[in-house]
Amino acid sequence: MSVQIMLPSAQSAPDGNPVKYDQGGYEAYFGTYEVDEQAHTVTHHVRGSLVRALIGKNLTRVYRFSDGQLVLKSSRPDEHWAIAWEHY
């Protein structure tokens, strides 16, 4: 899998999350993933990343499908973000 996200402004994401995923408003990483349908989670096994501290990490996300969108959010209680993808 490959993830690339660009924030609306060139600034980094707001402080408050304990893990830094982006650099200058851009996030990118790649690797493999595993889906746990029972728990509704997907775990990204990061093999390469713009933020080198993420390399080798396992990032677990809670997923759901809603109104034609795939919504992901962190499984960590100390992270407060969500992102949605929509198929055109």
Protein backbone atom coordinates (compact mmCIF):
# COMPACT_ATOMS: atom_id res chain seq x y z
CA MET A 1 0.00 0.00 0.00
CA SER A 2 0.99 3.59 -0.50
CA VAL A 3 -0.30 6.67 1.31
CA GLN A 4 0.12 10.24 0.11
CA ILE A 5 -1.73 13.12 1.73
CA MET A 6 -1.28 16.85 1.24
CA LEU A 7 -2.77 19.21 3.80
CA PRO A 8 -4.62 22.27 2.46
CA SER A 9 -1.81 24.60 3.60
CA ALA A 10 1.96 24.11 3.49
CA GLN A 11 2.14 24.13 7.27
CA SER A 12 2.41 20.91 9.23
CA ALA A 13 -0.61 19.38 10.89
CA PRO A 14 -1.68 21.12 14.12
CA ASP A 15 0.03 20.08 17.31
CA GLY A 16 -1.84 17.73 19.60
CA ASN A 17 -1.06 14.33 18.10
CA PRO A 18 1.88 12.55 19.73
CA VAL A 19 3.13 11.12 16.41
CA LYS A 20 4.39 13.29 13.55
CA TYR A 21 3.22 11.89 10.21
CA ASP A 22 3.82 14.83 7.89
CA GLN A 23 6.62 17.14 6.87
CA GLY A 24 5.73 20.59 5.61
CA GLY A 25 2.09 19.65 5.12
CA TYR A 26 2.83 16.50 3.10
CA GLU A 27 2.62 12.90 4.30
CA ALA A 28 3.85 9.86 2.40
CA TYR A 29 4.66 6.29 3.34
CA PHE A 30 4.46 2.81 1.87
CA GLY A 31 4.56 -0.82 2.95
CA THR A 32 2.24 -3.74 3.46
CA TYR A 33 -1.03 -3.99 5.34
CA GLU A 34 -3.29 -6.45 7.16
CA VAL A 35 -7.07 -6.17 7.59
CA ASP A 36 -8.86 -7.48 10.67
CA GLU A 37 -12.50 -7.57 9.57
CA GLN A 38 -13.69 -8.64 13.02
CA ALA A 39 -12.13 -5.60 14.72
CA HIS A 40 -12.70 -3.27 11.73
CA THR A 41 -9.02 -2.33 11.66
CA VAL A 42 -6.30 -2.13 9.06
CA THR A 43 -2.65 -2.13 10.11
CA HIS A 44 -0.10 -0.44 7.87
CA HIS A 45 3.40 -1.96 8.20
CA VAL A 46 5.57 1.01 7.21
CA ARG A 47 8.61 0.08 5.09
CA GLY A 48 9.47 3.57 3.82
CA SER A 49 8.33 7.05 4.81
CA LEU A 50 8.95 10.75 4.31
CA VAL A 51 9.16 10.91 8.13
CA ARG A 52 11.92 8.41 8.82
CA ALA A 53 10.83 7.82 12.43
CA LEU A 54 7.80 5.92 11.04
CA ILE A 55 9.88 3.33 9.18
CA GLY A 56 9.36 -0.08 10.79
CA LYS A 57 6.25 1.06 12.69
CA ASN A 58 2.87 -0.66 12.58
CA LEU A 59 0.10 1.93 12.27
CA THR A 60 -3.33 0.54 13.17
CA ARG A 61 -6.37 2.39 11.87
CA VAL A 62 -10.05 1.83 12.59
CA TYR A 63 -12.09 1.78 9.38
CA ARG A 64 -15.73 2.14 8.44
CA PHE A 65 -17.71 2.68 5.27
CA SER A 66 -20.19 5.55 5.30
CA ASP A 67 -22.17 7.17 2.46
CA GLY A 68 -19.79 5.90 -0.23
CA GLN A 69 -16.69 6.88 1.72
CA LEU A 70 -13.94 4.90 3.43
CA VAL A 71 -13.27 6.60 6.76
CA LEU A 72 -10.06 5.90 8.69
CA LYS A 73 -9.14 7.11 12.15
CA SER A 74 -6.35 6.29 14.53
CA SER A 75 -6.88 3.44 16.96
CA ARG A 76 -4.87 5.39 19.54
CA PRO A 77 -6.98 7.22 22.15
CA ASP A 78 -4.41 10.05 22.27
CA GLU A 79 -4.73 10.85 18.54
CA HIS A 80 -7.72 12.83 17.33
CA TRP A 81 -7.98 12.76 13.56
CA ALA A 82 -10.00 11.10 10.83
CA ILE A 83 -9.71 11.06 7.06
CA ALA A 84 -12.22 10.03 4.40
CA TRP A 85 -11.73 8.80 0.84
CA GLU A 86 -14.43 8.85 -1.75
CA HIS A 87 -14.56 6.94 -5.04
CA TYR A 88 -15.43 9.18 -8.01
